[in-house]
N, C-alpha and C. Protein backbone atom coordinates (compact mmCIF):
# COMPACT_ATOMS: atom_id res chain seq x y z
N MET A 1 31.53 -55.95 -39.94
CA MET A 1 32.55 -55.37 -39.09
C MET A 1 31.97 -54.17 -38.35
N ARG A 2 32.39 -53.99 -37.14
CA ARG A 2 31.94 -52.84 -36.39
C ARG A 2 32.99 -51.75 -36.44
N ARG A 3 32.59 -50.56 -36.16
CA ARG A 3 33.56 -49.45 -36.09
C ARG A 3 34.27 -49.50 -34.75
N GLY A 4 35.43 -48.84 -34.67
CA GLY A 4 36.13 -48.79 -33.40
C GLY A 4 37.37 -49.66 -33.36
N TYR A 5 37.77 -50.22 -34.48
CA TYR A 5 39.01 -50.98 -34.54
C TYR A 5 40.20 -50.04 -34.50
N THR A 6 41.29 -50.51 -33.93
CA THR A 6 42.56 -49.82 -34.04
C THR A 6 43.32 -50.48 -35.18
N VAL A 7 43.89 -49.67 -36.06
CA VAL A 7 44.62 -50.20 -37.21
C VAL A 7 46.11 -50.18 -36.88
N LEU A 8 46.75 -51.34 -37.03
CA LEU A 8 48.19 -51.48 -36.80
C LEU A 8 48.88 -51.79 -38.13
N LEU A 9 49.99 -51.13 -38.38
CA LEU A 9 50.76 -51.39 -39.59
C LEU A 9 51.96 -52.25 -39.25
N PRO A 10 52.31 -53.20 -40.13
CA PRO A 10 53.45 -54.07 -39.84
C PRO A 10 54.77 -53.30 -39.87
N PHE A 11 55.69 -53.75 -39.05
CA PHE A 11 57.03 -53.18 -39.02
C PHE A 11 57.91 -54.01 -39.95
N GLY A 12 58.66 -53.35 -40.84
CA GLY A 12 59.52 -54.09 -41.75
C GLY A 12 58.81 -54.38 -43.06
N VAL A 13 59.40 -55.30 -43.81
CA VAL A 13 58.87 -55.64 -45.13
C VAL A 13 58.60 -57.14 -45.21
N ASN A 14 57.98 -57.53 -46.29
CA ASN A 14 57.74 -58.94 -46.60
C ASN A 14 56.75 -59.63 -45.66
N GLN A 15 55.82 -58.88 -45.10
CA GLN A 15 54.75 -59.51 -44.34
C GLN A 15 53.68 -59.96 -45.32
N ARG A 16 52.95 -61.00 -45.00
CA ARG A 16 51.90 -61.49 -45.88
C ARG A 16 50.62 -60.70 -45.73
N TYR A 17 50.55 -59.81 -44.75
CA TYR A 17 49.36 -59.00 -44.54
C TYR A 17 49.75 -57.53 -44.69
N ASP A 18 48.76 -56.71 -45.00
CA ASP A 18 49.00 -55.27 -45.18
C ASP A 18 48.78 -54.48 -43.90
N LEU A 19 47.86 -54.95 -43.06
CA LEU A 19 47.61 -54.28 -41.80
C LEU A 19 46.95 -55.26 -40.85
N VAL A 20 46.87 -54.86 -39.58
CA VAL A 20 46.23 -55.67 -38.55
C VAL A 20 45.17 -54.80 -37.87
N LEU A 21 43.99 -55.38 -37.68
CA LEU A 21 42.94 -54.70 -36.93
C LEU A 21 42.95 -55.22 -35.51
N ASP A 22 43.01 -54.33 -34.54
CA ASP A 22 42.96 -54.69 -33.12
C ASP A 22 41.53 -54.46 -32.65
N ASP A 23 40.88 -55.55 -32.32
CA ASP A 23 39.48 -55.51 -31.90
C ASP A 23 39.37 -55.52 -30.38
N GLY A 24 40.33 -54.90 -29.71
CA GLY A 24 40.30 -54.87 -28.26
C GLY A 24 40.56 -56.23 -27.63
N GLY A 25 41.55 -56.91 -28.11
CA GLY A 25 41.90 -58.22 -27.57
C GLY A 25 42.05 -59.30 -28.62
N ARG A 26 41.59 -59.04 -29.82
CA ARG A 26 41.72 -59.99 -30.92
C ARG A 26 42.35 -59.26 -32.10
N PHE A 27 43.39 -59.86 -32.68
CA PHE A 27 44.06 -59.28 -33.83
C PHE A 27 43.60 -59.97 -35.10
N VAL A 28 43.25 -59.18 -36.12
CA VAL A 28 42.80 -59.70 -37.40
C VAL A 28 43.76 -59.23 -38.47
N ARG A 29 44.47 -60.17 -39.10
CA ARG A 29 45.40 -59.83 -40.18
C ARG A 29 44.63 -59.62 -41.47
N VAL A 30 44.94 -58.51 -42.16
CA VAL A 30 44.17 -58.09 -43.33
C VAL A 30 45.07 -57.95 -44.55
N GLN A 31 44.60 -58.48 -45.66
CA GLN A 31 45.25 -58.28 -46.95
C GLN A 31 44.34 -57.38 -47.78
N CYS A 32 44.86 -56.28 -48.28
CA CYS A 32 44.08 -55.35 -49.08
C CYS A 32 44.22 -55.70 -50.56
N LYS A 33 43.10 -55.68 -51.26
CA LYS A 33 43.06 -56.02 -52.69
C LYS A 33 42.19 -55.01 -53.42
N THR A 34 42.42 -54.88 -54.72
CA THR A 34 41.58 -54.05 -55.57
C THR A 34 40.61 -54.96 -56.30
N GLY A 35 39.34 -54.60 -56.29
CA GLY A 35 38.33 -55.34 -57.03
C GLY A 35 37.95 -54.58 -58.28
N ARG A 36 37.54 -55.31 -59.31
CA ARG A 36 37.10 -54.72 -60.56
C ARG A 36 35.67 -55.16 -60.85
N LEU A 37 34.84 -54.21 -61.19
CA LEU A 37 33.44 -54.51 -61.49
C LEU A 37 33.32 -54.95 -62.94
N ARG A 38 32.88 -56.20 -63.13
CA ARG A 38 32.72 -56.77 -64.47
C ARG A 38 31.38 -57.49 -64.53
N HIS A 39 30.51 -57.05 -65.43
CA HIS A 39 29.24 -57.71 -65.69
C HIS A 39 28.43 -57.93 -64.40
N GLY A 40 28.41 -56.92 -63.54
CA GLY A 40 27.60 -56.98 -62.33
C GLY A 40 28.24 -57.71 -61.16
N VAL A 41 29.54 -58.03 -61.29
CA VAL A 41 30.26 -58.77 -60.24
C VAL A 41 31.58 -58.06 -59.93
N VAL A 42 31.88 -57.88 -58.64
CA VAL A 42 33.19 -57.38 -58.22
C VAL A 42 34.11 -58.59 -58.13
N LEU A 43 35.16 -58.59 -58.94
CA LEU A 43 36.13 -59.68 -58.97
C LEU A 43 37.43 -59.23 -58.33
N PHE A 44 38.07 -60.12 -57.56
CA PHE A 44 39.36 -59.82 -56.96
C PHE A 44 40.17 -61.10 -56.81
N SER A 45 41.47 -60.94 -56.73
CA SER A 45 42.37 -62.08 -56.60
C SER A 45 42.56 -62.44 -55.14
N GLY A 46 42.53 -63.72 -54.85
CA GLY A 46 42.77 -64.20 -53.49
C GLY A 46 44.14 -64.82 -53.35
N ILE A 47 45.02 -64.53 -54.30
CA ILE A 47 46.40 -65.05 -54.27
C ILE A 47 47.37 -63.92 -54.56
N SER A 48 48.63 -64.15 -54.24
CA SER A 48 49.68 -63.21 -54.64
C SER A 48 50.43 -63.83 -55.82
N VAL A 49 50.90 -62.98 -56.70
CA VAL A 49 51.62 -63.44 -57.89
C VAL A 49 52.93 -62.68 -57.95
N ARG A 50 54.00 -63.42 -58.13
CA ARG A 50 55.31 -62.79 -58.38
C ARG A 50 56.02 -63.63 -59.42
N CYS A 51 56.96 -63.02 -60.08
CA CYS A 51 57.67 -63.75 -61.13
C CYS A 51 59.14 -63.38 -61.10
N ASN A 52 59.91 -64.28 -61.66
CA ASN A 52 61.33 -64.02 -61.88
C ASN A 52 61.62 -64.37 -63.33
N THR A 53 62.86 -64.52 -63.70
CA THR A 53 63.20 -64.77 -65.10
C THR A 53 62.83 -66.17 -65.56
N ARG A 54 62.54 -67.08 -64.64
CA ARG A 54 62.26 -68.46 -65.03
C ARG A 54 60.81 -68.90 -64.84
N GLU A 55 60.08 -68.27 -63.90
CA GLU A 55 58.75 -68.78 -63.61
C GLU A 55 57.85 -67.72 -62.98
N ILE A 56 56.57 -68.02 -63.00
CA ILE A 56 55.57 -67.22 -62.32
C ILE A 56 55.13 -68.01 -61.10
N LEU A 57 55.21 -67.38 -59.94
CA LEU A 57 54.90 -68.05 -58.68
C LEU A 57 53.62 -67.47 -58.08
N THR A 58 52.69 -68.34 -57.72
CA THR A 58 51.47 -67.91 -57.06
C THR A 58 51.41 -68.53 -55.68
N ARG A 59 50.73 -67.83 -54.78
CA ARG A 59 50.66 -68.30 -53.40
C ARG A 59 49.39 -67.76 -52.75
N GLY A 60 48.68 -68.63 -52.07
CA GLY A 60 47.48 -68.22 -51.36
C GLY A 60 47.82 -67.61 -50.01
N TYR A 61 46.80 -67.19 -49.30
CA TYR A 61 46.98 -66.53 -48.01
C TYR A 61 46.46 -67.35 -46.83
N GLU A 62 46.09 -68.60 -47.06
CA GLU A 62 45.55 -69.45 -46.00
C GLU A 62 46.52 -69.53 -44.83
N GLY A 63 46.01 -69.31 -43.63
CA GLY A 63 46.82 -69.37 -42.42
C GLY A 63 47.67 -68.13 -42.19
N GLU A 64 47.61 -67.16 -43.10
CA GLU A 64 48.43 -65.97 -42.98
C GLU A 64 47.63 -64.68 -42.86
N VAL A 65 46.36 -64.71 -43.25
CA VAL A 65 45.46 -63.58 -43.05
C VAL A 65 44.09 -64.14 -42.68
N GLU A 66 43.27 -63.31 -42.07
CA GLU A 66 41.92 -63.71 -41.73
C GLU A 66 40.87 -62.99 -42.58
N LEU A 67 41.26 -61.88 -43.20
CA LEU A 67 40.28 -61.04 -43.87
C LEU A 67 40.89 -60.35 -45.08
N PHE A 68 40.10 -60.24 -46.14
CA PHE A 68 40.45 -59.41 -47.29
C PHE A 68 39.61 -58.14 -47.22
N LEU A 69 40.23 -56.99 -47.41
CA LEU A 69 39.51 -55.74 -47.61
C LEU A 69 39.63 -55.42 -49.10
N ILE A 70 38.49 -55.33 -49.76
CA ILE A 70 38.45 -55.14 -51.20
C ILE A 70 37.99 -53.73 -51.50
N SER A 71 38.83 -52.96 -52.16
CA SER A 71 38.46 -51.63 -52.60
C SER A 71 38.09 -51.72 -54.08
N CYS A 72 36.90 -51.27 -54.41
CA CYS A 72 36.44 -51.30 -55.79
C CYS A 72 36.26 -49.87 -56.29
N PRO A 73 37.21 -49.35 -57.05
CA PRO A 73 37.10 -47.98 -57.55
C PRO A 73 35.97 -47.79 -58.57
N ASP A 74 35.53 -48.88 -59.19
CA ASP A 74 34.47 -48.78 -60.20
C ASP A 74 33.12 -48.39 -59.59
N ASN A 75 32.87 -48.77 -58.33
CA ASN A 75 31.63 -48.36 -57.66
C ASN A 75 31.89 -47.62 -56.34
N ASP A 76 33.15 -47.33 -56.08
CA ASP A 76 33.56 -46.55 -54.90
C ASP A 76 33.07 -47.19 -53.59
N ARG A 77 33.23 -48.52 -53.49
CA ARG A 77 32.83 -49.26 -52.30
C ARG A 77 34.00 -50.05 -51.75
N ILE A 78 33.90 -50.40 -50.46
CA ILE A 78 34.89 -51.27 -49.81
C ILE A 78 34.15 -52.43 -49.18
N TYR A 79 34.70 -53.63 -49.35
CA TYR A 79 34.08 -54.84 -48.85
C TYR A 79 35.04 -55.58 -47.94
N ALA A 80 34.52 -56.22 -46.90
CA ALA A 80 35.31 -57.04 -45.98
C ALA A 80 34.88 -58.49 -46.18
N VAL A 81 35.81 -59.33 -46.67
CA VAL A 81 35.49 -60.72 -46.99
C VAL A 81 36.42 -61.64 -46.20
N PRO A 82 35.86 -62.51 -45.36
CA PRO A 82 36.69 -63.49 -44.64
C PRO A 82 37.39 -64.43 -45.62
N ILE A 83 38.61 -64.82 -45.31
CA ILE A 83 39.39 -65.65 -46.21
C ILE A 83 38.70 -66.98 -46.51
N GLU A 84 37.93 -67.50 -45.57
CA GLU A 84 37.25 -68.79 -45.78
C GLU A 84 36.26 -68.73 -46.95
N GLU A 85 35.86 -67.54 -47.32
CA GLU A 85 34.87 -67.40 -48.38
C GLU A 85 35.50 -67.13 -49.74
N VAL A 86 36.82 -67.14 -49.81
CA VAL A 86 37.53 -66.93 -51.08
C VAL A 86 38.19 -68.25 -51.44
N THR A 87 37.64 -68.92 -52.44
CA THR A 87 38.15 -70.23 -52.82
C THR A 87 38.66 -70.20 -54.25
N GLY A 88 39.59 -71.06 -54.56
CA GLY A 88 40.07 -71.18 -55.92
C GLY A 88 40.92 -70.02 -56.40
N GLY A 89 41.39 -69.19 -55.49
CA GLY A 89 42.28 -68.09 -55.88
C GLY A 89 41.60 -66.85 -56.39
N CYS A 90 40.28 -66.89 -56.53
CA CYS A 90 39.57 -65.72 -57.05
C CYS A 90 38.31 -65.51 -56.23
N GLY A 91 38.04 -64.26 -55.87
CA GLY A 91 36.83 -63.93 -55.14
C GLY A 91 35.87 -63.17 -56.01
N SER A 92 34.59 -63.31 -55.72
CA SER A 92 33.58 -62.58 -56.47
C SER A 92 32.43 -62.19 -55.56
N LEU A 93 31.94 -60.98 -55.78
CA LEU A 93 30.81 -60.45 -55.03
C LEU A 93 29.81 -59.88 -56.03
N ARG A 94 28.62 -60.39 -56.03
CA ARG A 94 27.62 -59.96 -57.01
C ARG A 94 26.96 -58.66 -56.59
N VAL A 95 26.96 -57.69 -57.50
CA VAL A 95 26.34 -56.39 -57.29
C VAL A 95 24.96 -56.35 -57.95
N ALA A 96 24.88 -56.82 -59.18
CA ALA A 96 23.62 -56.80 -59.94
C ALA A 96 22.98 -58.18 -59.91
N PRO A 97 21.65 -58.24 -60.06
CA PRO A 97 20.97 -59.54 -60.10
C PRO A 97 21.49 -60.39 -61.26
N THR A 98 21.41 -61.70 -61.09
CA THR A 98 21.82 -62.61 -62.16
C THR A 98 20.80 -62.53 -63.31
N ARG A 99 21.27 -62.83 -64.52
CA ARG A 99 20.36 -62.78 -65.67
C ARG A 99 19.33 -63.90 -65.64
N ASN A 100 19.69 -65.03 -65.03
CA ASN A 100 18.75 -66.15 -64.99
C ASN A 100 17.90 -66.17 -63.72
N GLY A 101 18.05 -65.16 -62.87
CA GLY A 101 17.24 -65.08 -61.66
C GLY A 101 17.73 -65.93 -60.50
N GLN A 102 18.89 -66.54 -60.63
CA GLN A 102 19.43 -67.39 -59.56
C GLN A 102 19.64 -66.57 -58.30
N ARG A 103 19.28 -67.16 -57.15
CA ARG A 103 19.47 -66.49 -55.87
C ARG A 103 20.27 -67.36 -54.90
N ARG A 104 20.19 -68.67 -55.06
CA ARG A 104 20.92 -69.58 -54.16
C ARG A 104 22.40 -69.57 -54.51
N ARG A 105 23.22 -69.68 -53.47
CA ARG A 105 24.67 -69.75 -53.62
C ARG A 105 25.26 -68.51 -54.31
N VAL A 106 24.59 -67.38 -54.15
CA VAL A 106 25.10 -66.12 -54.69
C VAL A 106 25.69 -65.33 -53.53
N ARG A 107 26.90 -64.87 -53.68
CA ARG A 107 27.56 -64.06 -52.65
C ARG A 107 27.29 -62.59 -53.00
N TRP A 108 26.31 -61.99 -52.31
CA TRP A 108 25.90 -60.63 -52.60
C TRP A 108 26.87 -59.63 -51.99
N ALA A 109 27.30 -58.67 -52.78
CA ALA A 109 28.26 -57.65 -52.33
C ALA A 109 27.71 -56.85 -51.15
N ARG A 110 26.44 -56.58 -51.13
CA ARG A 110 25.83 -55.77 -50.06
C ARG A 110 26.03 -56.39 -48.68
N ASP A 111 26.18 -57.73 -48.62
CA ASP A 111 26.38 -58.41 -47.33
C ASP A 111 27.79 -58.20 -46.78
N TYR A 112 28.72 -57.73 -47.61
CA TYR A 112 30.11 -57.55 -47.21
C TYR A 112 30.54 -56.09 -47.22
N GLU A 113 29.66 -55.22 -47.65
CA GLU A 113 30.00 -53.80 -47.82
C GLU A 113 30.20 -53.11 -46.48
N LEU A 114 31.26 -52.32 -46.38
CA LEU A 114 31.51 -51.52 -45.19
C LEU A 114 30.75 -50.22 -45.29
N PRO A 115 30.22 -49.73 -44.18
CA PRO A 115 29.50 -48.44 -44.22
C PRO A 115 30.45 -47.32 -44.59
N GLY A 116 29.94 -46.40 -45.36
CA GLY A 116 30.75 -45.28 -45.82
C GLY A 116 30.64 -44.14 -44.92
């Protein structure tokens, strides 16, 4: 992401996105999430969860947002992850090298980190 976006906040309640970035002609809907650092990986949820007295309801964000902004208080970093890269309801970004040395198909956190 480049700097210079205008941040727009939704009017009203019950929007599926938390904010919109105006890129000078293109609007990007953003859902903000908290990530947790576990065993060298920042983990975050790519779904919303709500419950009532009878059931727990989960729902993805496909078609409703274009980007997740992940704030990780454990390492004080923020990551921008396109929704297409979050599959199965859970996102992960690797911070530390794998124990077995695997490099292929690893989503490195540094590739998504926003400049501080």
